[in-house]
Protein backbone atom coordinates (compact mmCIF):
# COMPACT_ATOMS: atom_id res chain seq x y z
CA UNK A 1 0.00 0.00 0.00
CA UNK A 2 1.27 3.47 -0.87
CA UNK A 3 1.21 5.80 2.13
CA UNK A 4 2.56 8.81 0.24
CA UNK A 5 0.73 12.05 0.99
CA UNK A 6 0.15 12.72 -2.72
CA UNK A 7 -1.55 9.35 -3.35
CA UNK A 8 -4.87 10.08 -5.06
CA UNK A 9 -6.13 6.60 -5.90
CA UNK A 10 -5.82 3.18 -4.27
CA UNK A 11 -7.11 -0.17 -5.46
CA UNK A 12 -7.20 -2.30 -2.30
CA UNK A 13 -7.08 -6.11 -2.27
CA UNK A 14 -8.73 -6.39 -5.69
CA UNK A 15 -9.69 -9.93 -6.70
CA UNK A 16 -11.49 -11.05 -9.84
CA UNK A 17 -12.61 -14.66 -10.09
CA UNK A 18 -14.68 -15.64 -13.13
CA UNK A 19 -17.57 -18.10 -13.11
CA UNK A 20 -15.31 -20.92 -14.38
CA UNK A 21 -13.01 -20.49 -11.39
CA UNK A 22 -10.19 -18.67 -13.21
CA UNK A 23 -8.63 -16.02 -10.95
CA UNK A 24 -7.44 -13.07 -13.04
CA UNK A 25 -6.59 -10.87 -10.03
CA UNK A 26 -5.76 -12.10 -6.53
CA UNK A 27 -5.69 -9.52 -3.76
CA UNK A 28 -3.99 -6.80 -5.83
CA UNK A 29 -2.97 -3.49 -4.28
CA UNK A 30 -2.30 -0.70 -6.77
CA UNK A 31 -1.89 3.02 -6.14
CA UNK A 32 -1.40 6.22 -8.11
CA UNK A 33 0.15 9.51 -7.08
CA UNK A 34 -1.02 12.83 -8.44
CA UNK A 35 0.92 13.97 -11.50
CA UNK A 36 2.92 10.78 -12.11
CA UNK A 37 3.38 8.49 -15.10
CA UNK A 38 3.05 5.02 -13.62
CA UNK A 39 3.98 2.02 -15.78
CA UNK A 40 2.06 -1.24 -15.42
CA UNK A 41 3.99 -4.22 -16.77
CA UNK A 42 3.76 -7.99 -16.74
CA UNK A 43 3.42 -11.05 -18.91
CA UNK A 44 0.24 -11.77 -20.85
CA UNK A 45 -2.24 -13.31 -18.45
CA UNK A 46 -0.60 -11.56 -15.47
CA UNK A 47 -3.81 -9.62 -14.76
CA UNK A 48 -2.90 -6.11 -16.00
CA UNK A 49 -5.83 -5.72 -18.41
CA UNK A 50 -8.35 -7.08 -15.93
CA UNK A 51 -7.13 -4.71 -13.21
CA UNK A 52 -7.44 -1.71 -15.53
CA UNK A 53 -10.84 -2.86 -16.80
CA UNK A 54 -11.97 -2.86 -13.18
CA UNK A 55 -10.58 0.65 -12.67
CA UNK A 56 -12.35 1.82 -15.84
CA UNK A 57 -15.67 0.19 -14.88
CA UNK A 58 -15.63 -2.42 -17.64
CA UNK A 59 -15.43 -5.27 -15.09
CA UNK A 60 -16.68 -5.59 -11.52
CA UNK A 61 -14.27 -6.94 -8.90
CA UNK A 62 -15.20 -10.08 -6.98
CA UNK A 63 -13.80 -8.38 -3.86
CA UNK A 64 -11.77 -5.35 -2.87
CA UNK A 65 -12.32 -1.62 -3.13
CA UNK A 66 -11.27 1.47 -5.08
CA UNK A 67 -10.66 4.69 -3.15
CA UNK A 68 -10.23 7.96 -5.04
CA UNK A 69 -9.31 11.09 -3.06
CA UNK A 70 -10.56 9.46 0.13
CA UNK A 71 -13.91 8.37 -1.28
CA UNK A 72 -14.77 4.76 -2.13
CA UNK A 73 -15.95 4.35 -5.73
CA UNK A 74 -18.36 1.79 -7.12
CA UNK A 75 -18.56 1.74 -10.91
CA UNK A 76 -21.46 0.08 -12.68
CA UNK A 77 -20.01 0.91 -16.10
CA UNK A 78 -17.32 2.85 -17.94
CA UNK A 79 -19.74 5.78 -17.99
CA UNK A 80 -19.42 5.99 -14.18
CA UNK A 81 -15.62 5.87 -14.41
CA UNK A 82 -15.57 8.67 -16.99
CA UNK A 83 -17.87 10.74 -14.76
CA UNK A 84 -15.40 10.07 -11.93
CA UNK A 85 -12.49 11.53 -13.90
CA UNK A 86 -10.96 8.33 -15.29
CA UNK A 87 -10.32 7.90 -19.03
CA UNK A 88 -8.88 5.05 -21.07
CA UNK A 89 -7.24 4.98 -24.50
CA UNK A 90 -7.49 1.44 -25.82
CA UNK A 91 -4.83 -0.21 -27.97
CA UNK A 92 -7.37 -0.52 -30.80
CA UNK A 93 -8.82 2.97 -31.20
CA UNK A 94 -12.53 3.54 -30.66
CA UNK A 95 -13.03 6.19 -33.36
CA UNK A 96 -15.69 6.62 -36.04
CA UNK A 97 -13.59 6.71 -39.20
CA UNK A 98 -16.16 8.53 -41.33
CA UNK A 99 -16.52 11.37 -38.76
CA UNK A 100 -14.33 14.46 -38.47
CA UNK A 101 -11.91 14.98 -35.60
CA UNK A 102 -14.36 17.42 -33.99
CA UNK A 103 -17.30 15.01 -34.30
CA UNK A 104 -15.29 12.21 -32.67
CA UNK A 105 -14.09 14.33 -29.76
CA UNK A 106 -17.53 15.79 -29.07
CA UNK A 107 -19.50 12.59 -29.66
CA UNK A 108 -22.11 12.30 -26.89
CA UNK A 109 -21.23 15.68 -25.31
CA UNK A 110 -22.08 17.94 -28.26
CA UNK A 111 -23.07 21.53 -27.42
CA UNK A 112 -26.63 22.22 -28.56
CA UNK A 113 -28.42 25.15 -30.15
CA UNK A 114 -32.04 24.33 -29.58
CA UNK A 115 -32.63 20.79 -30.84
CA UNK A 116 -29.55 20.77 -33.04
CA UNK A 117 -25.82 20.42 -32.55
CA UNK A 118 -24.05 23.79 -32.39
CA UNK A 119 -21.31 22.93 -34.90
CA UNK A 120 -19.46 26.24 -34.53
CA UNK A 121 -19.25 25.92 -30.76
CA UNK A 122 -18.22 22.26 -31.02
CA UNK A 123 -15.38 23.26 -33.34
CA UNK A 124 -14.36 26.14 -31.03
CA UNK A 125 -14.30 23.81 -28.00
CA UNK A 126 -12.21 21.27 -29.91
CA UNK A 127 -9.63 23.94 -30.85
CA UNK A 128 -9.52 25.29 -27.28
CA UNK A 129 -8.97 21.77 -25.94
CA UNK A 130 -6.22 21.15 -28.49
CA UNK A 131 -4.45 24.41 -27.56
CA UNK A 132 -4.81 23.85 -23.82
CA UNK A 133 -3.09 20.48 -23.95
CA UNK A 134 -0.68 21.24 -26.82
CA UNK A 135 -2.15 18.40 -28.87
CA UNK A 136 -2.38 19.97 -32.31
CA UNK A 137 -5.12 18.62 -34.58
CA UNK A 138 -7.29 19.80 -37.49
CA UNK A 139 -10.90 19.69 -36.21
CA UNK A 140 -12.29 19.39 -39.75
CA UNK A 141 -10.12 16.47 -40.91
CA UNK A 142 -11.87 13.14 -41.53
CA UNK A 143 -10.42 10.50 -39.20
CA UNK A 144 -9.99 7.76 -41.83
CA UNK A 145 -7.48 9.98 -43.68
CA UNK A 146 -5.25 10.58 -40.64
CA UNK A 147 -2.04 8.80 -39.60
CA UNK A 148 -2.15 6.61 -36.53
CA UNK A 149 -0.20 9.10 -34.35
CA UNK A 150 -2.88 11.75 -34.90
CA UNK A 151 -5.66 9.24 -34.19
CA UNK A 152 -4.04 8.60 -30.84
CA UNK A 153 -4.07 12.34 -30.06
CA UNK A 154 -7.81 12.36 -30.82
CA UNK A 155 -8.39 9.49 -28.38
CA UNK A 156 -6.47 11.34 -25.67
CA UNK A 157 -8.40 14.57 -26.36
CA UNK A 158 -11.67 12.60 -26.23
CA UNK A 159 -10.82 11.47 -22.71
CA UNK A 160 -9.66 14.94 -21.63
CA UNK A 161 -12.84 16.54 -23.06
CA UNK A 162 -14.82 14.36 -20.65
CA UNK A 163 -12.84 15.59 -17.66
CA UNK A 164 -10.30 12.77 -17.26
CA UNK A 165 -7.67 13.46 -14.59
CA UNK A 166 -6.41 9.86 -14.66
CA UNK A 167 -5.55 8.48 -18.12
CA UNK A 168 -5.02 4.77 -18.77
CA UNK A 169 -3.00 4.18 -21.96
CA UNK A 170 -2.96 0.59 -23.24
CA UNK A 171 0.12 -0.16 -25.41
CA UNK A 172 0.15 3.45 -26.69
CA UNK A 173 3.32 3.10 -28.80
CA UNK A 174 2.50 -0.25 -30.44
CA UNK A 175 2.11 1.22 -33.94
CA UNK A 176 4.12 4.46 -33.71
CA UNK A 177 7.39 5.40 -35.40
CA UNK A 178 10.30 6.51 -33.15
CA UNK A 179 9.52 10.13 -34.07
CA UNK A 180 5.82 9.72 -33.21
CA UNK A 181 6.75 7.98 -29.95
CA UNK A 182 9.03 10.91 -29.07
CA UNK A 183 6.20 13.37 -29.71
CA UNK A 184 3.78 11.30 -27.63
CA UNK A 185 6.25 11.23 -24.72
CA UNK A 186 6.59 15.04 -24.89
CA UNK A 187 2.79 15.36 -24.85
CA UNK A 188 2.47 12.97 -21.90
CA UNK A 189 5.14 14.90 -19.98
CA UNK A 190 3.15 18.12 -20.51
CA UNK A 191 -0.03 16.43 -19.28
CA UNK A 192 1.88 15.27 -16.21
CA UNK A 193 3.08 18.84 -15.57
CA UNK A 194 -0.57 19.99 -15.75
CA UNK A 195 -1.46 17.61 -12.92
CA UNK A 196 -2.76 14.61 -14.87
CA UNK A 197 -1.89 11.10 -13.72
CA UNK A 198 -1.12 8.51 -16.39
CA UNK A 199 -1.09 4.71 -16.30
CA UNK A 200 1.23 3.50 -19.06
CA UNK A 201 0.70 -0.18 -19.97
CA UNK A 202 3.48 -1.52 -22.17
CA UNK A 203 5.69 -4.50 -23.00
CA UNK A 204 8.47 -2.20 -24.27
CA UNK A 205 10.86 -2.03 -21.33
CA UNK A 206 13.08 0.66 -22.84
CA UNK A 207 10.09 2.98 -23.24
CA UNK A 208 8.82 2.20 -19.74
CA UNK A 209 12.24 3.15 -18.38
CA UNK A 210 12.23 6.39 -20.36
CA UNK A 211 8.74 7.73 -19.60
CA UNK A 212 7.66 6.47 -16.16
CA UNK A 213 8.52 7.52 -12.62
CA UNK A 214 7.24 4.30 -10.96
CA UNK A 215 6.59 0.77 -12.15
CA UNK A 216 4.18 -1.85 -10.85
CA UNK A 217 4.99 -5.39 -11.95
CA UNK A 218 2.10 -7.86 -12.22
CA UNK A 219 2.72 -11.61 -12.13
CA UNK A 220 0.20 -14.48 -11.97
CA UNK A 221 -2.64 -12.14 -11.02
CA UNK A 222 -0.77 -10.46 -8.16
CA UNK A 223 1.25 -7.33 -7.53
CA UNK A 224 4.87 -8.49 -7.77
CA UNK A 225 6.37 -5.22 -6.55
CA UNK A 226 6.40 -1.45 -7.05
CA UNK A 227 9.70 0.20 -8.02
CA UNK A 228 11.06 3.67 -8.60
CA UNK A 229 12.01 3.55 -12.29
CA UNK A 230 15.32 5.33 -11.78
CA UNK A 231 16.43 2.63 -9.34
CA UNK A 232 16.01 -0.44 -11.61
CA UNK A 233 17.73 -1.36 -14.88
CA UNK A 234 15.98 -2.63 -18.01
CA UNK A 235 17.35 -6.12 -17.31
CA UNK A 236 16.09 -6.03 -13.71
CA UNK A 237 12.61 -4.99 -14.89
CA UNK A 238 12.63 -7.83 -17.43
CA UNK A 239 13.71 -10.34 -14.77
CA UNK A 240 10.95 -9.22 -12.39
CA UNK A 241 8.34 -9.59 -15.15
CA UNK A 242 9.28 -13.17 -16.08
CA UNK A 243 10.19 -14.23 -12.55
CA UNK A 244 13.77 -15.30 -13.23
CA UNK A 245 16.95 -14.02 -14.82
CA UNK A 246 16.00 -14.17 -18.46
CA UNK A 247 18.49 -14.50 -21.26
CA UNK A 248 16.39 -13.05 -24.05
CA UNK A 249 19.04 -12.80 -26.76
CA UNK A 250 18.07 -14.44 -30.04
CA UNK A 251 20.58 -16.73 -31.67
CA UNK A 252 20.78 -15.79 -35.36
CA UNK A 253 22.59 -18.34 -37.48
CA UNK A 254 24.17 -17.50 -40.82
CA UNK A 255 22.11 -19.21 -43.52
CA UNK A 256 22.48 -19.61 -47.26
CA UNK A 257 19.96 -17.69 -49.37
CA UNK A 258 17.96 -20.22 -51.33
CA UNK A 259 15.37 -20.17 -54.07
CA UNK A 260 12.57 -17.56 -54.26
CA UNK A 261 9.55 -18.89 -52.37
CA UNK A 262 7.40 -15.75 -52.43
CA UNK A 263 7.30 -13.38 -55.39
CA UNK A 264 5.15 -10.23 -55.61
CA UNK A 265 5.19 -8.60 -59.05
CA UNK A 266 3.72 -5.20 -60.00
CA UNK A 267 0.92 -5.39 -57.44
CA UNK A 268 -1.73 -2.66 -57.68
CA UNK A 269 -4.88 -2.24 -55.61
CA UNK A 270 -7.37 0.65 -55.68
CA UNK A 271 -10.08 -0.50 -53.28
CA UNK A 272 -12.78 1.39 -55.20
CA UNK A 273 -11.01 4.77 -55.14
CA UNK A 274 -9.05 6.73 -57.73
CA UNK A 275 -5.85 6.78 -55.66
CA UNK A 276 -4.08 3.40 -55.42
CA UNK A 277 -3.77 1.72 -52.02
CA UNK A 278 -0.92 -0.34 -53.50
CA UNK A 279 1.06 1.12 -56.37
CA UNK A 280 3.27 -1.25 -58.41
CA UNK A 281 4.73 -3.17 -55.46
CA UNK A 282 7.34 -5.81 -56.32
CA UNK A 283 9.61 -7.90 -54.09
CA UNK A 284 10.86 -11.45 -53.52
CA UNK A 285 11.43 -13.53 -50.39
CA UNK A 286 14.04 -16.28 -50.58
CA UNK A 287 14.32 -19.57 -48.73
CA UNK A 288 16.35 -19.13 -45.53
CA UNK A 289 15.60 -15.41 -45.24
CA UNK A 290 13.29 -13.11 -43.25
CA UNK A 291 12.17 -10.07 -45.23
CA UNK A 292 10.61 -7.40 -43.02
CA UNK A 293 7.98 -4.88 -44.02
CA UNK A 294 7.91 -1.74 -41.88
CA UNK A 295 5.61 1.24 -42.18
CA UNK A 296 3.12 3.36 -40.30
CA UNK A 297 -0.27 1.65 -40.21
CA UNK A 298 -2.41 2.52 -43.24
CA UNK A 299 0.27 2.61 -45.92
CA UNK A 300 -0.87 -0.52 -47.77
CA UNK A 301 0.57 -3.29 -45.59
CA UNK A 302 -2.85 -4.67 -44.62
CA UNK A 303 -4.10 -4.75 -48.24
CA UNK A 304 -0.83 -6.35 -49.37
CA UNK A 305 -1.22 -9.19 -46.88
CA UNK A 306 -4.91 -9.61 -47.77
CA UNK A 307 -3.95 -10.13 -51.42
CA UNK A 308 -1.09 -12.48 -50.53
CA UNK A 309 -3.39 -14.65 -48.41
CA UNK A 310 -6.23 -14.80 -50.93
CA UNK A 311 -8.82 -12.64 -49.17
CA UNK A 312 -8.59 -9.71 -51.62
CA UNK A 313 -8.08 -9.57 -55.39
CA UNK A 314 -5.54 -7.17 -56.93
CA UNK A 315 -6.47 -4.89 -59.83
CA UNK A 316 -3.12 -5.61 -61.44
CA UNK A 317 -0.03 -7.70 -60.77
CA UNK A 318 0.50 -11.16 -59.29
CA UNK A 319 1.62 -13.11 -56.23
CA UNK A 320 3.38 -16.45 -56.50
CA UNK A 321 4.02 -18.83 -53.62
CA UNK A 322 6.40 -21.67 -54.46
CA UNK A 323 6.00 -20.86 -58.16
CA UNK A 324 2.19 -20.99 -58.25
CA UNK A 325 -0.01 -17.95 -58.90
CA UNK A 326 -2.16 -17.78 -55.75
CA UNK A 327 -5.11 -16.22 -57.63
CA UNK A 328 -5.87 -19.74 -58.86
CA UNK A 329 -5.64 -21.33 -55.42
CA UNK A 330 -8.23 -21.74 -52.67
CA UNK A 331 -7.09 -21.04 -49.10
CA UNK A 332 -6.85 -24.80 -48.52
CA UNK A 333 -4.70 -25.28 -51.64
CA UNK A 334 -2.56 -22.32 -50.61
CA UNK A 335 -1.90 -24.08 -47.30
CA UNK A 336 -1.25 -27.40 -49.04
CA UNK A 337 1.24 -25.51 -51.21
CA UNK A 338 3.32 -24.84 -48.09
CA UNK A 339 2.10 -21.39 -46.99
CA UNK A 340 1.23 -20.49 -43.39
CA UNK A 341 -0.17 -17.21 -42.11
CA UNK A 342 -0.12 -15.59 -38.66
CA UNK A 343 -2.76 -12.81 -38.98
CA UNK A 344 -2.69 -9.41 -37.30
CA UNK A 345 -6.20 -9.71 -35.85
CA UNK A 346 -6.28 -12.93 -33.83
CA UNK A 347 -9.86 -12.27 -32.71
CA UNK A 348 -11.34 -11.80 -36.19
CA UNK A 349 -9.06 -13.83 -38.46
CA UNK A 350 -6.79 -16.01 -36.38
CA UNK A 351 -8.97 -18.12 -34.13
CA UNK A 352 -12.38 -19.52 -33.24
CA UNK A 353 -12.95 -18.06 -29.78
CA UNK A 354 -15.75 -20.45 -28.79
CA UNK A 355 -13.71 -23.53 -29.78
CA UNK A 356 -11.12 -25.14 -27.53
CA UNK A 357 -7.34 -24.76 -27.70
CA UNK A 358 -7.18 -28.31 -29.06
CA UNK A 359 -9.66 -27.57 -31.85
CA UNK A 360 -7.90 -24.34 -32.81
CA UNK A 361 -4.43 -25.81 -32.81
CA UNK A 362 -5.24 -28.62 -35.28
CA UNK A 363 -7.72 -26.69 -37.43
CA UNK A 364 -5.24 -26.39 -40.32
CA UNK A 365 -4.31 -30.08 -40.34
CA UNK A 366 -7.23 -32.04 -38.88
CA UNK A 367 -7.58 -33.95 -42.17
CA UNK A 368 -3.95 -35.10 -42.13
CA UNK A 369 -3.01 -38.73 -41.59
CA UNK A 370 -1.50 -37.82 -38.23
CA UNK A 371 -4.88 -36.74 -36.85
CA UNK A 372 -7.54 -38.44 -38.97
CA UNK A 373 -8.18 -41.93 -40.33
CA UNK A 374 -11.20 -42.73 -42.52
CA UNK A 375 -13.00 -39.64 -41.28
CA UNK A 376 -12.42 -40.43 -37.59
CA UNK A 377 -10.21 -38.13 -35.53
CA UNK A 378 -7.30 -39.72 -33.64
CA UNK A 379 -8.02 -38.18 -30.26
CA UNK A 380 -4.90 -39.54 -28.55
CA UNK A 381 -2.60 -38.07 -31.22
CA UNK A 382 -4.46 -34.76 -31.06
CA UNK A 383 -4.21 -34.64 -27.26
CA UNK A 384 -0.48 -35.43 -27.34
CA UNK A 385 0.21 -32.83 -30.03
CA UNK A 386 -1.83 -30.19 -28.17
CA UNK A 387 0.00 -30.93 -24.92
CA UNK A 388 3.38 -30.62 -26.65
CA UNK A 389 2.37 -27.29 -28.21
CA UNK A 390 1.11 -25.93 -24.88
CA UNK A 391 4.43 -26.85 -23.29
CA UNK A 392 6.64 -25.64 -26.16
CA UNK A 393 4.94 -22.26 -26.47
CA UNK A 394 4.29 -21.88 -22.72
CA UNK A 395 0.56 -21.36 -23.24
CA UNK A 396 -1.04 -20.57 -19.87
CA UNK A 397 -4.26 -22.54 -19.65
CA UNK A 398 -6.07 -25.35 -17.83
CA UNK A 399 -5.45 -27.87 -20.61
CA UNK A 400 -6.27 -28.39 -24.28
CA UNK A 401 -10.02 -28.41 -23.65
CA UNK A 402 -10.01 -24.79 -22.42
CA UNK A 403 -12.10 -22.50 -24.66
CA UNK A 404 -9.85 -20.04 -26.44
CA UNK A 405 -12.03 -17.17 -25.21
CA UNK A 406 -10.77 -17.84 -21.66
CA UNK A 407 -7.16 -17.04 -22.57
CA UNK A 408 -5.41 -13.68 -22.44
CA UNK A 409 -4.68 -12.04 -25.81
CA UNK A 410 -1.03 -13.03 -25.70
CA UNK A 411 -1.81 -16.67 -24.99
CA UNK A 412 -4.32 -16.68 -27.86
CA UNK A 413 -1.51 -15.40 -30.07
CA UNK A 414 0.74 -18.26 -28.96
CA UNK A 415 -1.96 -20.75 -29.96
CA UNK A 416 -2.17 -19.15 -33.43
CA UNK A 417 1.63 -19.14 -33.80
CA UNK A 418 1.85 -22.77 -32.64
CA UNK A 419 -0.76 -23.83 -35.20
CA UNK A 420 0.85 -21.99 -38.13
CA UNK A 421 4.46 -22.92 -37.39
CA UNK A 422 3.85 -26.57 -36.49
CA UNK A 423 3.26 -27.61 -40.12
CA UNK A 424 6.87 -26.65 -41.03
CA UNK A 425 5.81 -24.32 -43.89
CA UNK A 426 8.09 -23.44 -46.79
CA UNK A 427 6.64 -19.89 -46.78
CA UNK A 428 5.33 -17.99 -43.75
CA UNK A 429 3.52 -14.64 -43.73
CA UNK A 430 3.70 -13.23 -40.20
CA UNK A 431 1.61 -10.07 -39.77
CA UNK A 432 2.24 -8.26 -36.47
CA UNK A 433 2.91 -11.70 -34.89
CA UNK A 434 3.74 -10.37 -31.42
CA UNK A 435 1.45 -7.32 -31.12
CA UNK A 436 0.19 -7.08 -27.56
CA UNK A 437 2.24 -10.00 -26.25
CA UNK A 438 4.79 -9.87 -23.44
CA UNK A 439 8.55 -10.11 -23.80
CA UNK A 440 8.71 -13.81 -22.96
CA UNK A 441 5.92 -14.75 -25.39
CA UNK A 442 7.46 -12.55 -28.10
CA UNK A 443 10.82 -14.27 -27.56
CA UNK A 444 9.23 -17.73 -27.98
CA UNK A 445 7.50 -16.69 -31.23
CA UNK A 446 10.67 -15.01 -32.57
CA UNK A 447 12.73 -18.12 -31.79
CA UNK A 448 10.27 -20.35 -33.63
CA UNK A 449 10.19 -18.06 -36.69
CA UNK A 450 13.99 -17.99 -36.83
CA UNK A 451 14.06 -21.79 -36.47
CA UNK A 452 11.80 -22.08 -39.53
CA UNK A 453 14.05 -19.65 -41.41
CA UNK A 454 17.14 -21.68 -40.45
CA UNK A 455 15.44 -24.76 -41.91
CA UNK A 456 14.81 -23.07 -45.27
CA UNK A 457 11.46 -21.32 -44.80
CA UNK A 458 10.96 -17.95 -46.53
CA UNK A 459 9.42 -15.52 -44.02
CA UNK A 460 7.61 -12.26 -44.79
CA UNK A 461 7.55 -10.40 -41.47
CA UNK A 462 5.19 -7.41 -41.24
CA UNK A 463 5.58 -5.33 -38.08
CA UNK A 464 5.20 -1.83 -36.67
CA UNK A 465 7.59 -2.73 -33.81
CA UNK A 466 11.02 -1.59 -34.91
CA UNK A 467 12.71 -3.50 -32.09
CA UNK A 468 11.54 -6.84 -33.39
CA UNK A 469 12.25 -5.81 -37.00
CA UNK A 470 15.91 -5.43 -36.04
CA UNK A 471 15.95 -8.64 -33.99
CA UNK A 472 14.31 -10.94 -36.53
CA UNK A 473 14.73 -9.62 -40.10
CA UNK A 474 17.60 -10.15 -42.54
CA UNK A 475 16.49 -7.44 -44.99
CA UNK A 476 13.78 -4.82 -44.92
CA UNK A 477 11.24 -2.97 -47.07
CA UNK A 478 9.63 0.27 -45.90
CA UNK A 479 6.17 1.08 -47.25
CA UNK A 480 4.82 4.60 -47.55
CA UNK A 481 1.69 5.75 -49.37
CA UNK A 482 1.19 2.33 -50.97
CA UNK A 483 4.68 2.14 -52.46
CA UNK A 484 8.05 0.74 -51.47
CA UNK A 485 9.87 3.81 -50.18
CA UNK A 486 13.08 2.08 -49.16
CA UNK A 487 14.86 -1.27 -49.33
CA UNK A 488 17.63 -2.21 -46.89
CA UNK A 489 19.60 -5.33 -47.82
CA UNK A 490 20.97 -5.65 -44.28
CA UNK A 491 18.42 -4.87 -41.56
CA UNK A 492 21.09 -4.95 -38.86
CA UNK A 493 22.82 -1.86 -40.26
CA UNK A 494 19.87 0.55 -40.03
CA UNK A 495 19.39 3.21 -37.34
CA UNK A 496 15.94 3.69 -35.80
CA UNK A 497 16.06 7.36 -36.77
CA UNK A 498 16.73 6.61 -40.46
CA UNK A 499 14.02 3.96 -40.53
CA UNK A 500 11.54 6.33 -38.88
CA UNK A 501 12.23 9.03 -41.50
CA UNK A 502 11.51 6.51 -44.28
CA UNK A 503 8.31 5.41 -42.54
CA UNK A 504 7.12 9.02 -42.34
CA UNK A 505 7.90 9.61 -46.03
CA UNK A 506 10.65 12.12 -45.26
CA UNK A 507 13.36 9.98 -46.84
CA UNK A 508 13.20 7.73 -49.92
CA UNK A 509 15.60 5.37 -51.71
CA UNK A 510 16.19 5.69 -55.44
CA UNK A 511 14.49 3.36 -57.92
CA UNK A 512 17.65 1.31 -58.56
CA UNK A 513 17.92 0.43 -54.86
CA UNK A 514 14.19 -0.36 -54.54
CA UNK A 515 14.34 -2.69 -57.57
CA UNK A 516 16.87 -4.85 -55.70
CA UNK A 517 14.01 -5.99 -53.44
CA UNK A 518 12.58 -7.98 -56.35
CA UNK A 519 15.82 -9.84 -57.20
């Protein structure tokens, strides 16, 4: 318990036990001081998200209390938390893309003139809010046309417009360039100086060390210690998160570049508009190599992967996997041709939430001889394989029969990665494979991807996390405005600053260099 005089909020002995007996939080104490940036860290499944959902009124605790400025709070919903001065910016933004910035910020609290919205006053209030907090935005811009860093500012302003004095930020830098992260940190520091208190949830230890004044470490549903950030090293924070001294260095073997397994040639996609989403994109991925694709979200990466996995048709150009044009292949034939895919959105594309871990983990090979004979599933083989995968990927669960919906996001991601990597593909498309997962889970997934690469797999690795780009990739493409803006033959030799400039469109390679990506 924090006995500091400037403590404004205490969560006391918070427990959350679900109907199936799973304990997400077990007697957690958590406190906030006025005007601090407090980092909340821990492995996936450690209870961070549940604790913050309780603070934001999205979940009700099974026991315990929340005391804010000496008064006990009882939230029935997020609406009550917002009214109490608590705001939350979710990792996946809650914006209406077809609305303007002003409409999003004022949604639900619009000033009225008679029966109608007073648009002029709404715009004036938006500008005043932007100036007050030094978060510069264009109130008339349509949200769908804005870069991700600006969308985040809108989410923060939305919370501040509703009177938030405590801001919970969930993985706020997950999709930002180094330059955008730097700007966000400056903005958060100004909010802190103005008396706001910020909870910063992140798996990026270096950023936690840079921005926070205190750190609370969660482990197995409990508070595993509170530390002054200046008094602990990055390695010590990492060790406290995983519970032992973790050697997290990836072993990268030298491998021979083999044949082209993935070839993208002159790919164009318009998506119904006049301006191309993808504009003449060409590259090749060789056996025994990891080719990274970096870029700020919304520069064509999503559409590129959709075309490469058969869920969207290009207007022009082609994609070949192992020499076959995928436009002629069903998803099943694409898989049989040696291609695996770890999707960005595990909830929507990567898994069946109502099915069990066991059902999810064999869903891409249940018809194989290993698991099926004359239409009858080999339950013993399936159980053994599931158990091995749970152990190998350190999936935290109560066994293979556990519904996937009962797992944390990071553990769901490990199930998806286990399923896609277990078939020993010759080509793997990994799209944001570790987004929202903790350092230990990310390390396991990275190790497995590099193991596939060492055994001759060609890996296309799409990520907004520059740290993992440098750790995993051999070479790198940067996408900007639907085109390849830069191609680096050796990913290890790039600085974060140079890469960030390319991602923001402020630096571009010449055509001769970009053409090398297709060789």
